Amino acid sequence: MVKNLSPREFLERRAGGASSKLLDVREDWEIALAPVPGECLHIPMAEISQRLGELDPHTETVVICRSGGRSAQVAEFLAARGFSSVFNLAGGILAWSRDLDPRIPQY
């Protein structure tokens, strides 16, 4: 079972020096509507299996989507393929907007 991180916990870990890779698995139109602040890698969920080589299985990976459902599935997929440190960003960009940055649109 993959662990969850809240958006606040993710930012605290990153500020504390964790070298986490944020993986956004939303569609292009979703990112255009409500982008994640800061650096992240965008690979839509449907492309994960074909683009797995773009990810480092030894780097901490935090997966984000709109509300946490797709990201949980992708995080489980990665963990099943040997990724040693994978987290689901609980609540997705909706939680990020609600809890950290209300300028990010809810959709």
PDB file of N, CA and C in Angstrom:
ATOM      1  N   MET A   1       0.843  -1.197   0.000  1.00  0.00           N
ATOM      2  CA  MET A   1       0.000   0.000   0.000  1.00  0.00           C
ATOM      3  C   MET A   1       0.882   1.252   0.000  1.00  0.00           C
ATOM      4  N   VAL A   2       0.632   2.124  -0.928  1.00  0.00           N
ATOM      5  CA  VAL A   2       1.377   3.377  -1.061  1.00  0.00           C
ATOM      6  C   VAL A   2       0.888   4.357   0.003  1.00  0.00           C
ATOM      7  N   LYS A   3       1.818   5.100   0.567  1.00  0.00           N
ATOM      8  CA  LYS A   3       1.471   6.105   1.576  1.00  0.00           C
ATOM      9  C   LYS A   3       0.997   7.385   0.902  1.00  0.00           C
ATOM     10  N   ASN A   4       0.173   8.134   1.640  1.00  0.00           N
ATOM     11  CA  ASN A   4      -0.314   9.432   1.189  1.00  0.00           C
ATOM     12  C   ASN A   4       0.486  10.547   1.842  1.00  0.00           C
ATOM     13  N   LEU A   5       0.638  11.637   1.110  1.00  0.00           N
ATOM     14  CA  LEU A   5       1.168  12.884   1.652  1.00  0.00           C
ATOM     15  C   LEU A   5       0.145  13.969   1.355  1.00  0.00           C
ATOM     16  N   SER A   6      -0.079  14.862   2.280  1.00  0.00           N
ATOM     17  CA  SER A   6      -0.901  16.039   1.990  1.00  0.00           C
ATOM     18  C   SER A   6      -0.040  17.022   1.203  1.00  0.00           C
ATOM     19  N   PRO A   7      -0.650  17.969   0.522  1.00  0.00           N
ATOM     20  CA  PRO A   7       0.157  18.978  -0.172  1.00  0.00           C
ATOM     21  C   PRO A   7       1.106  19.704   0.786  1.00  0.00           C
ATOM     22  N   ARG A   8       0.643  20.006   1.976  1.00  0.00           N
ATOM     23  CA  ARG A   8       1.482  20.696   2.958  1.00  0.00           C
ATOM     24  C   ARG A   8       2.679  19.817   3.368  1.00  0.00           C
ATOM     25  N   GLU A   9       2.433  18.538   3.613  1.00  0.00           N
ATOM     26  CA  GLU A   9       3.518  17.623   3.963  1.00  0.00           C
ATOM     27  C   GLU A   9       4.538  17.525   2.828  1.00  0.00           C
ATOM     28  N   PHE A  10       4.045  17.493   1.590  1.00  0.00           N
ATOM     29  CA  PHE A  10       4.952  17.444   0.442  1.00  0.00           C
ATOM     30  C   PHE A  10       5.867  18.666   0.423  1.00  0.00           C
ATOM     31  N   LEU A  11       5.275  19.860   0.572  1.00  0.00           N
ATOM     32  CA  LEU A  11       6.089  21.078   0.540  1.00  0.00           C
ATOM     33  C   LEU A  11       7.052  21.141   1.717  1.00  0.00           C
ATOM     34  N   GLU A  12       6.636  20.669   2.890  1.00  0.00           N
ATOM     35  CA  GLU A  12       7.521  20.641   4.053  1.00  0.00           C
ATOM     36  C   GLU A  12       8.698  19.701   3.812  1.00  0.00           C
ATOM     37  N   ARG A  13       8.429  18.537   3.223  1.00  0.00           N
ATOM     38  CA  ARG A  13       9.505  17.581   2.916  1.00  0.00           C
ATOM     39  C   ARG A  13      10.482  18.200   1.922  1.00  0.00           C
ATOM     40  N   ARG A  14       9.937  18.835   0.905  1.00  0.00           N
ATOM     41  CA  ARG A  14      10.793  19.452  -0.115  1.00  0.00           C
ATOM     42  C   ARG A  14      11.629  20.581   0.496  1.00  0.00           C
ATOM     43  N   ALA A  15      10.997  21.394   1.340  1.00  0.00           N
ATOM     44  CA  ALA A  15      11.721  22.491   2.000  1.00  0.00           C
ATOM     45  C   ALA A  15      12.793  21.953   2.942  1.00  0.00           C
ATOM     46  N   GLY A  16      12.571  20.772   3.481  1.00  0.00           N
ATOM     47  CA  GLY A  16      13.531  20.142   4.373  1.00  0.00           C
ATOM     48  C   GLY A  16      14.669  19.448   3.655  1.00  0.00           C
ATOM     49  N   GLY A  17      14.672  19.515   2.349  1.00  0.00           N
ATOM     50  CA  GLY A  17      15.786  18.965   1.590  1.00  0.00           C
ATOM     51  C   GLY A  17      15.508  17.657   0.879  1.00  0.00           C
ATOM     52  N   ALA A  18      14.292  17.119   0.999  1.00  0.00           N
ATOM     53  CA  ALA A  18      13.975  15.881   0.277  1.00  0.00           C
ATOM     54  C   ALA A  18      14.031  16.150  -1.222  1.00  0.00           C
ATOM     55  N   SER A  19      14.660  15.254  -1.949  1.00  0.00           N
ATOM     56  CA  SER A  19      14.760  15.425  -3.402  1.00  0.00           C
ATOM     57  C   SER A  19      13.623  14.656  -4.072  1.00  0.00           C
ATOM     58  N   SER A  20      12.424  15.104  -3.805  1.00  0.00           N
ATOM     59  CA  SER A  20      11.228  14.457  -4.354  1.00  0.00           C
ATOM     60  C   SER A  20      10.959  14.923  -5.770  1.00  0.00           C
ATOM     61  N   LYS A  21      10.558  13.989  -6.610  1.00  0.00           N
ATOM     62  CA  LYS A  21      10.105  14.306  -7.966  1.00  0.00           C
ATOM     63  C   LYS A  21       8.581  14.324  -7.913  1.00  0.00           C
ATOM     64  N   LEU A  22       7.965  15.444  -8.280  1.00  0.00           N
ATOM     65  CA  LEU A  22       6.515  15.529  -8.353  1.00  0.00           C
ATOM     66  C   LEU A  22       6.102  15.127  -9.763  1.00  0.00           C
ATOM     67  N   LEU A  23       5.285  14.088  -9.853  1.00  0.00           N
ATOM     68  CA  LEU A  23       4.813  13.545 -11.126  1.00  0.00           C
ATOM     69  C   LEU A  23       3.344  13.870 -11.279  1.00  0.00           C
ATOM     70  N   ASP A  24       3.010  14.717 -12.234  1.00  0.00           N
ATOM     71  CA  ASP A  24       1.622  15.118 -12.497  1.00  0.00           C
ATOM     72  C   ASP A  24       1.065  14.229 -13.606  1.00  0.00           C
ATOM     73  N   VAL A  25       0.027  13.458 -13.289  1.00  0.00           N
ATOM     74  CA  VAL A  25      -0.526  12.499 -14.250  1.00  0.00           C
ATOM     75  C   VAL A  25      -1.837  12.979 -14.876  1.00  0.00           C
ATOM     76  N   ARG A  26      -2.123  14.270 -14.738  1.00  0.00           N
ATOM     77  CA  ARG A  26      -3.345  14.820 -15.343  1.00  0.00           C
ATOM     78  C   ARG A  26      -3.159  15.031 -16.849  1.00  0.00           C
ATOM     79  N   GLU A  27      -4.260  15.312 -17.499  1.00  0.00           N
ATOM     80  CA  GLU A  27      -4.246  15.598 -18.941  1.00  0.00           C
ATOM     81  C   GLU A  27      -3.743  17.025 -19.175  1.00  0.00           C
ATOM     82  N   ASP A  28      -3.301  17.296 -20.404  1.00  0.00           N
ATOM     83  CA  ASP A  28      -2.774  18.614 -20.756  1.00  0.00           C
ATOM     84  C   ASP A  28      -3.755  19.734 -20.420  1.00  0.00           C
ATOM     85  N   TRP A  29      -5.035  19.545 -20.745  1.00  0.00           N
ATOM     86  CA  TRP A  29      -6.028  20.599 -20.515  1.00  0.00           C
ATOM     87  C   TRP A  29      -6.186  20.890 -19.029  1.00  0.00           C
ATOM     88  N   GLU A  30      -5.997  19.881 -18.180  1.00  0.00           N
ATOM     89  CA  GLU A  30      -6.122  20.084 -16.734  1.00  0.00           C
ATOM     90  C   GLU A  30      -4.959  20.918 -16.202  1.00  0.00           C
ATOM     91  N   ILE A  31      -3.783  20.641 -16.716  1.00  0.00           N
ATOM     92  CA  ILE A  31      -2.603  21.391 -16.284  1.00  0.00           C
ATOM     93  C   ILE A  31      -2.683  22.831 -16.763  1.00  0.00           C
ATOM     94  N   ALA A  32      -3.198  23.039 -17.962  1.00  0.00           N
ATOM     95  CA  ALA A  32      -3.371  24.405 -18.466  1.00  0.00           C
ATOM     96  C   ALA A  32      -4.354  25.177 -17.595  1.00  0.00           C
ATOM     97  N   LEU A  33      -5.368  24.501 -17.095  1.00  0.00           N
ATOM     98  CA  LEU A  33      -6.399  25.133 -16.268  1.00  0.00           C
ATOM     99  C   LEU A  33      -5.916  25.390 -14.843  1.00  0.00           C
ATOM    100  N   ALA A  34      -5.193  24.432 -14.269  1.00  0.00           N
ATOM    101  CA  ALA A  34      -4.788  24.527 -12.861  1.00  0.00           C
ATOM    102  C   ALA A  34      -3.379  23.955 -12.686  1.00  0.00           C
ATOM    103  N   PRO A  35      -2.352  24.716 -13.063  1.00  0.00           N
ATOM    104  CA  PRO A  35      -0.986  24.189 -12.966  1.00  0.00           C
ATOM    105  C   PRO A  35      -0.507  24.090 -11.522  1.00  0.00           C
ATOM    106  N   VAL A  36       0.378  23.127 -11.295  1.00  0.00           N
ATOM    107  CA  VAL A  36       1.037  22.976 -10.002  1.00  0.00           C
ATOM    108  C   VAL A  36       2.151  24.008  -9.929  1.00  0.00           C
ATOM    109  N   PRO A  37       2.237  24.759  -8.849  1.00  0.00           N
ATOM    110  CA  PRO A  37       3.359  25.697  -8.719  1.00  0.00           C
ATOM    111  C   PRO A  37       4.679  24.943  -8.545  1.00  0.00           C
ATOM    112  N   GLY A  38       5.710  25.437  -9.163  1.00  0.00           N
ATOM    113  CA  GLY A  38       7.022  24.823  -9.006  1.00  0.00           C
ATOM    114  C   GLY A  38       7.295  23.754 -10.043  1.00  0.00           C
ATOM    115  N   GLU A  39       8.375  23.046  -9.802  1.00  0.00           N
ATOM    116  CA  GLU A  39       8.857  22.063 -10.766  1.00  0.00           C
ATOM    117  C   GLU A  39       8.125  20.732 -10.623  1.00  0.00           C
ATOM    118  N   CYS A  40       7.696  20.199 -11.752  1.00  0.00           N
ATOM    119  CA  CYS A  40       7.115  18.857 -11.761  1.00  0.00           C
ATOM    120  C   CYS A  40       7.289  18.249 -13.153  1.00  0.00           C
ATOM    121  N   LEU A  41       7.145  16.936 -13.195  1.00  0.00           N
ATOM    122  CA  LEU A  41       7.205  16.200 -14.456  1.00  0.00           C
ATOM    123  C   LEU A  41       5.782  15.837 -14.834  1.00  0.00           C
ATOM    124  N   HIS A  42       5.408  16.105 -16.076  1.00  0.00           N
ATOM    125  CA  HIS A  42       4.061  15.791 -16.538  1.00  0.00           C
ATOM    126  C   HIS A  42       4.095  14.583 -17.464  1.00  0.00           C
ATOM    127  N   ILE A  43       3.440  13.513 -17.026  1.00  0.00           N
ATOM    128  CA  ILE A  43       3.213  12.347 -17.873  1.00  0.00           C
ATOM    129  C   ILE A  43       1.759  11.931 -17.638  1.00  0.00           C
ATOM    130  N   PRO A  44       0.883  12.127 -18.613  1.00  0.00           N
ATOM    131  CA  PRO A  44      -0.513  11.723 -18.422  1.00  0.00           C
ATOM    132  C   PRO A  44      -0.617  10.245 -18.036  1.00  0.00           C
ATOM    133  N   MET A  45      -1.594   9.935 -17.235  1.00  0.00           N
ATOM    134  CA  MET A  45      -1.760   8.575 -16.723  1.00  0.00           C
ATOM    135  C   MET A  45      -1.716   7.527 -17.837  1.00  0.00           C
ATOM    136  N   ALA A  46      -2.364   7.806 -18.947  1.00  0.00           N
ATOM    137  CA  ALA A  46      -2.436   6.837 -20.050  1.00  0.00           C
ATOM    138  C   ALA A  46      -1.071   6.554 -20.679  1.00  0.00           C
ATOM    139  N   GLU A  47      -0.073   7.411 -20.424  1.00  0.00           N
ATOM    140  CA  GLU A  47       1.249   7.253 -21.028  1.00  0.00           C
ATOM    141  C   GLU A  47       2.298   6.699 -20.069  1.00  0.00           C
ATOM    142  N   ILE A  48       1.930   6.465 -18.827  1.00  0.00           N
ATOM    143  CA  ILE A  48       2.914   6.057 -17.822  1.00  0.00           C
ATOM    144  C   ILE A  48       3.672   4.800 -18.229  1.00  0.00           C
ATOM    145  N   SER A  49       2.977   3.771 -18.644  1.00  0.00           N
ATOM    146  CA  SER A  49       3.674   2.507 -18.947  1.00  0.00           C
ATOM    147  C   SER A  49       4.655   2.669 -20.114  1.00  0.00           C
ATOM    148  N   GLN A  50       4.318   3.488 -21.113  1.00  0.00           N
ATOM    149  CA  GLN A  50       5.218   3.695 -22.254  1.00  0.00           C
ATOM    150  C   GLN A  50       6.399   4.601 -21.907  1.00  0.00           C
ATOM    151  N   ARG A  51       6.244   5.440 -20.888  1.00  0.00           N
ATOM    152  CA  ARG A  51       7.271   6.431 -20.562  1.00  0.00           C
ATOM    153  C   ARG A  51       7.965   6.144 -19.225  1.00  0.00           C
ATOM    154  N   LEU A  52       7.832   4.936 -18.753  1.00  0.00           N
ATOM    155  CA  LEU A  52       8.397   4.544 -17.460  1.00  0.00           C
ATOM    156  C   LEU A  52       9.892   4.847 -17.367  1.00  0.00           C
ATOM    157  N   GLY A  53      10.592   4.754 -18.479  1.00  0.00           N
ATOM    158  CA  GLY A  53      12.028   5.010 -18.508  1.00  0.00           C
ATOM    159  C   GLY A  53      12.411   6.438 -18.169  1.00  0.00           C
ATOM    160  N   GLU A  54      11.450   7.363 -18.188  1.00  0.00           N
ATOM    161  CA  GLU A  54      11.729   8.754 -17.832  1.00  0.00           C
ATOM    162  C   GLU A  54      11.799   8.959 -16.322  1.00  0.00           C
ATOM    163  N   LEU A  55      11.438   7.935 -15.569  1.00  0.00           N
ATOM    164  CA  LEU A  55      11.402   8.029 -14.114  1.00  0.00           C
ATOM    165  C   LEU A  55      12.522   7.209 -13.493  1.00  0.00           C
ATOM    166  N   ASP A  56      13.058   7.698 -12.400  1.00  0.00           N
ATOM    167  CA  ASP A  56      14.116   6.995 -11.681  1.00  0.00           C
ATOM    168  C   ASP A  56      13.491   6.222 -10.521  1.00  0.00           C
ATOM    169  N   PRO A  57      13.579   4.901 -10.529  1.00  0.00           N
ATOM    170  CA  PRO A  57      12.963   4.110  -9.465  1.00  0.00           C
ATOM    171  C   PRO A  57      13.616   4.306  -8.099  1.00  0.00           C
ATOM    172  N   HIS A  58      14.753   4.992  -8.055  1.00  0.00           N
ATOM    173  CA  HIS A  58      15.445   5.216  -6.783  1.00  0.00           C
ATOM    174  C   HIS A  58      15.225   6.618  -6.232  1.00  0.00           C
ATOM    175  N   THR A  59      14.508   7.458  -6.978  1.00  0.00           N
ATOM    176  CA  THR A  59      14.185   8.806  -6.525  1.00  0.00           C
ATOM    177  C   THR A  59      12.791   8.809  -5.922  1.00  0.00           C
ATOM    178  N   GLU A  60      12.648   9.507  -4.799  1.00  0.00           N
ATOM    179  CA  GLU A  60      11.329   9.633  -4.191  1.00  0.00           C
ATOM    180  C   GLU A  60      10.383  10.300  -5.195  1.00  0.00           C
ATOM    181  N   THR A  61       9.260   9.649  -5.454  1.00  0.00           N
ATOM    182  CA  THR A  61       8.287  10.139  -6.429  1.00  0.00           C
ATOM    183  C   THR A  61       6.954  10.373  -5.739  1.00  0.00           C
ATOM    184  N   VAL A  62       6.410  11.582  -5.913  1.00  0.00           N
ATOM    185  CA  VAL A  62       5.104  11.939  -5.370  1.00  0.00           C
ATOM    186  C   VAL A  62       4.196  12.188  -6.563  1.00  0.00           C
ATOM    187  N   VAL A  63       3.092  11.453  -6.633  1.00  0.00           N
ATOM    188  CA  VAL A  63       2.207  11.495  -7.792  1.00  0.00           C
ATOM    189  C   VAL A  63       0.978  12.348  -7.462  1.00  0.00           C
ATOM    190  N   ILE A  64       0.629  13.255  -8.384  1.00  0.00           N
ATOM    191  CA  ILE A  64      -0.511  14.149  -8.193  1.00  0.00           C
ATOM    192  C   ILE A  64      -1.450  14.064  -9.383  1.00  0.00           C
ATOM    193  N   CYS A  65      -2.741  14.214  -9.116  1.00  0.00           N
ATOM    194  CA  CYS A  65      -3.763  14.344 -10.159  1.00  0.00           C
ATOM    195  C   CYS A  65      -4.773  15.385  -9.675  1.00  0.00           C
ATOM    196  N   ARG A  66      -6.000  15.302 -10.121  1.00  0.00           N
ATOM    197  CA  ARG A  66      -7.018  16.274  -9.719  1.00  0.00           C
ATOM    198  C   ARG A  66      -7.435  16.089  -8.262  1.00  0.00           C
ATOM    199  N   SER A  67      -7.829  14.863  -7.905  1.00  0.00           N
ATOM    200  CA  SER A  67      -8.379  14.651  -6.563  1.00  0.00           C
ATOM    201  C   SER A  67      -7.727  13.504  -5.796  1.00  0.00           C
ATOM    202  N   GLY A  68      -6.807  12.783  -6.405  1.00  0.00           N
ATOM    203  CA  GLY A  68      -6.086  11.737  -5.712  1.00  0.00           C
ATOM    204  C   GLY A  68      -6.369  10.317  -6.177  1.00  0.00           C
ATOM    205  N   GLY A  69      -7.375  10.117  -7.006  1.00  0.00           N
ATOM    206  CA  GLY A  69      -7.714   8.773  -7.477  1.00  0.00           C
ATOM    207  C   GLY A  69      -6.745   8.225  -8.508  1.00  0.00           C
ATOM    208  N   ARG A  70      -6.537   8.985  -9.566  1.00  0.00           N
ATOM    209  CA  ARG A  70      -5.599   8.537 -10.610  1.00  0.00           C
ATOM    210  C   ARG A  70      -4.183   8.447 -10.071  1.00  0.00           C
ATOM    211  N   SER A  71      -3.811   9.415  -9.268  1.00  0.00           N
ATOM    212  CA  SER A  71      -2.451   9.403  -8.729  1.00  0.00           C
ATOM    213  C   SER A  71      -2.224   8.200  -7.823  1.00  0.00           C
ATOM    214  N   ALA A  72      -3.237   7.790  -7.078  1.00  0.00           N
ATOM    215  CA  ALA A  72      -3.104   6.593  -6.236  1.00  0.00           C
ATOM    216  C   ALA A  72      -2.881   5.359  -7.103  1.00  0.00           C
ATOM    217  N   GLN A  73      -3.595   5.270  -8.219  1.00  0.00           N
ATOM    218  CA  GLN A  73      -3.427   4.130  -9.129  1.00  0.00           C
ATOM    219  C   GLN A  73      -2.019   4.116  -9.729  1.00  0.00           C
ATOM    220  N   VAL A  74      -1.544   5.273 -10.157  1.00  0.00           N
ATOM    221  CA  VAL A  74      -0.210   5.351 -10.751  1.00  0.00           C
ATOM    222  C   VAL A  74       0.856   5.055  -9.686  1.00  0.00           C
ATOM    223  N   ALA A  75       0.675   5.559  -8.483  1.00  0.00           N
ATOM    224  CA  ALA A  75       1.633   5.284  -7.414  1.00  0.00           C
ATOM    225  C   ALA A  75       1.713   3.786  -7.131  1.00  0.00           C
ATOM    226  N   GLU A  76       0.583   3.104  -7.098  1.00  0.00           N
ATOM    227  CA  GLU A  76       0.570   1.649  -6.889  1.00  0.00           C
ATOM    228  C   GLU A  76       1.254   0.934  -8.057  1.00  0.00           C
ATOM    229  N   PHE A  77       1.003   1.405  -9.271  1.00  0.00           N
ATOM    230  CA  PHE A  77       1.634   0.847 -10.470  1.00  0.00           C
ATOM    231  C   PHE A  77       3.162   0.958 -10.362  1.00  0.00           C
ATOM    232  N   LEU A  78       3.644   2.138  -9.962  1.00  0.00           N
ATOM    233  CA  LEU A  78       5.085   2.348  -9.839  1.00  0.00           C
ATOM    234  C   LEU A  78       5.682   1.479  -8.729  1.00  0.00           C
ATOM    235  N   ALA A  79       5.013   1.420  -7.607  1.00  0.00           N
ATOM    236  CA  ALA A  79       5.501   0.609  -6.489  1.00  0.00           C
ATOM    237  C   ALA A  79       5.593  -0.861  -6.884  1.00  0.00           C
ATOM    238  N   ALA A  80       4.626  -1.326  -7.666  1.00  0.00           N
ATOM    239  CA  ALA A  80       4.635  -2.726  -8.114  1.00  0.00           C
ATOM    240  C   ALA A  80       5.765  -3.006  -9.092  1.00  0.00           C
ATOM    241  N   ARG A  81       6.348  -1.948  -9.656  1.00  0.00           N
ATOM    242  CA  ARG A  81       7.446  -2.108 -10.598  1.00  0.00           C
ATOM    243  C   ARG A  81       8.788  -1.743  -9.990  1.00  0.00           C
ATOM    244  N   GLY A  82       8.874  -1.783  -8.685  1.00  0.00           N
ATOM    245  CA  GLY A  82      10.153  -1.631  -8.015  1.00  0.00           C
ATOM    246  C   GLY A  82      10.549  -0.237  -7.589  1.00  0.00           C
ATOM    247  N   PHE A  83       9.657   0.736  -7.750  1.00  0.00           N
ATOM    248  CA  PHE A  83       9.986   2.084  -7.278  1.00  0.00           C
ATOM    249  C   PHE A  83       9.996   2.044  -5.759  1.00  0.00           C
ATOM    250  N   SER A  84      11.128   2.413  -5.167  1.00  0.00           N
ATOM    251  CA  SER A  84      11.337   2.184  -3.744  1.00  0.00           C
ATOM    252  C   SER A  84      10.665   3.202  -2.825  1.00  0.00           C
ATOM    253  N   SER A  85      10.363   4.393  -3.321  1.00  0.00           N
ATOM    254  CA  SER A  85       9.769   5.435  -2.485  1.00  0.00           C
ATOM    255  C   SER A  85       8.744   6.223  -3.302  1.00  0.00           C
ATOM    256  N   VAL A  86       7.487   5.799  -3.192  1.00  0.00           N
ATOM    257  CA  VAL A  86       6.408   6.416  -3.963  1.00  0.00           C
ATOM    258  C   VAL A  86       5.306   6.849  -3.004  1.00  0.00           C
ATOM    259  N   PHE A  87       4.779   8.040  -3.242  1.00  0.00           N
ATOM    260  CA  PHE A  87       3.686   8.581  -2.439  1.00  0.00           C
ATOM    261  C   PHE A  87       2.579   9.085  -3.353  1.00  0.00           C
ATOM    262  N   ASN A  88       1.364   9.053  -2.841  1.00  0.00           N
ATOM    263  CA  ASN A  88       0.209   9.668  -3.487  1.00  0.00           C
ATOM    264  C   ASN A  88      -0.025  11.014  -2.814  1.00  0.00           C
ATOM    265  N   LEU A  89      -0.214  12.069  -3.609  1.00  0.00           N
ATOM    266  CA  LEU A  89      -0.551  13.366  -3.041  1.00  0.00           C
ATOM    267  C   LEU A  89      -2.056  13.358  -2.777  1.00  0.00           C
ATOM    268  N   ALA A  90      -2.417  13.171  -1.529  1.00  0.00           N
ATOM    269  CA  ALA A  90      -3.820  13.022  -1.126  1.00  0.00           C
ATOM    270  C   ALA A  90      -4.628  14.273  -1.467  1.00  0.00           C
ATOM    271  N   GLY A  91      -5.736  14.066  -2.141  1.00  0.00           N
ATOM    272  CA  GLY A  91      -6.616  15.176  -2.487  1.00  0.00           C
ATOM    273  C   GLY A  91      -6.231  15.923  -3.743  1.00  0.00           C
ATOM    274  N   GLY A  92      -5.037  15.631  -4.285  1.00  0.00           N
ATOM    275  CA  GLY A  92      -4.610  16.209  -5.552  1.00  0.00           C
ATOM    276  C   GLY A  92      -4.551  17.723  -5.574  1.00  0.00           C
ATOM    277  N   ILE A  93      -4.705  18.260  -6.772  1.00  0.00           N
ATOM    278  CA  ILE A  93      -4.629  19.714  -6.960  1.00  0.00           C
ATOM    279  C   ILE A  93      -5.805  20.407  -6.276  1.00  0.00           C
ATOM    280  N   LEU A  94      -6.916  19.696  -6.095  1.00  0.00           N
ATOM    281  CA  LEU A  94      -8.045  20.288  -5.368  1.00  0.00           C
ATOM    282  C   LEU A  94      -7.657  20.585  -3.925  1.00  0.00           C
ATOM    283  N   ALA A  95      -6.962  19.649  -3.267  1.00  0.00           N
ATOM    284  CA  ALA A  95      -6.509  19.870  -1.895  1.00  0.00           C
ATOM    285  C   ALA A  95      -5.450  20.971  -1.850  1.00  0.00           C
ATOM    286  N   TRP A  96      -4.557  20.987  -2.862  1.00  0.00           N
ATOM    287  CA  TRP A  96      -3.530  22.024  -2.926  1.00  0.00           C
ATOM    288  C   TRP A  96      -4.198  23.397  -2.984  1.00  0.00           C
ATOM    289  N   SER A  97      -5.210  23.517  -3.836  1.00  0.00           N
ATOM    290  CA  SER A  97      -5.941  24.768  -3.972  1.00  0.00           C
ATOM    291  C   SER A  97      -6.658  25.138  -2.670  1.00  0.00           C
ATOM    292  N   ARG A  98      -7.338  24.174  -2.095  1.00  0.00           N
ATOM    293  CA  ARG A  98      -8.131  24.406  -0.874  1.00  0.00           C
ATOM    294  C   ARG A  98      -7.236  24.736   0.322  1.00  0.00           C
ATOM    295  N   ASP A  99      -6.133  24.008   0.474  1.00  0.00           N
ATOM    296  CA  ASP A  99      -5.331  24.118   1.689  1.00  0.00           C
ATOM    297  C   ASP A  99      -4.147  25.079   1.596  1.00  0.00           C
ATOM    298  N   LEU A 100      -3.642  25.306   0.375  1.00  0.00           N
ATOM    299  CA  LEU A 100      -2.412  26.094   0.244  1.00  0.00           C
ATOM    300  C   LEU A 100      -2.514  27.320  -0.652  1.00  0.00           C
ATOM    301  N   ASP A 101      -3.208  27.202  -1.760  1.00  0.00           N
ATOM    302  CA  ASP A 101      -3.181  28.287  -2.744  1.00  0.00           C
ATOM    303  C   ASP A 101      -4.529  28.419  -3.443  1.00  0.00           C
ATOM    304  N   PRO A 102      -5.427  29.204  -2.866  1.00  0.00           N
ATOM    305  CA  PRO A 102      -6.778  29.335  -3.444  1.00  0.00           C
ATOM    306  C   PRO A 102      -6.807  30.006  -4.823  1.00  0.00           C
ATOM    307  N   ARG A 103      -5.652  30.514  -5.287  1.00  0.00           N
ATOM    308  CA  ARG A 103      -5.612  31.086  -6.642  1.00  0.00           C
ATOM    309  C   ARG A 103      -5.657  29.990  -7.702  1.00  0.00           C
ATOM    310  N   ILE A 104      -5.328  28.750  -7.313  1.00  0.00           N
ATOM    311  CA  ILE A 104      -5.414  27.629  -8.252  1.00  0.00           C
ATOM    312  C   ILE A 104      -6.889  27.262  -8.408  1.00  0.00           C
ATOM    313  N   PRO A 105      -7.399  27.300  -9.636  1.00  0.00           N
ATOM    314  CA  PRO A 105      -8.827  27.031  -9.838  1.00  0.00           C
ATOM    315  C   PRO A 105      -9.213  25.600  -9.462  1.00  0.00           C
ATOM    316  N   GLN A 106     -10.407  25.485  -8.915  1.00  0.00           N
ATOM    317  CA  GLN A 106     -11.020  24.175  -8.670  1.00  0.00           C
ATOM    318  C   GLN A 106     -11.811  23.840  -9.929  1.00  0.00           C
ATOM    319  N   TYR A 107     -11.699  22.633 -10.402  1.00  0.00           N
ATOM    320  CA  TYR A 107     -12.431  22.247 -11.606  1.00  0.00           C
ATOM    321  C   TYR A 107     -12.988  20.862 -11.446  1.00  0.00           C
TER     322      TYR A 107
END
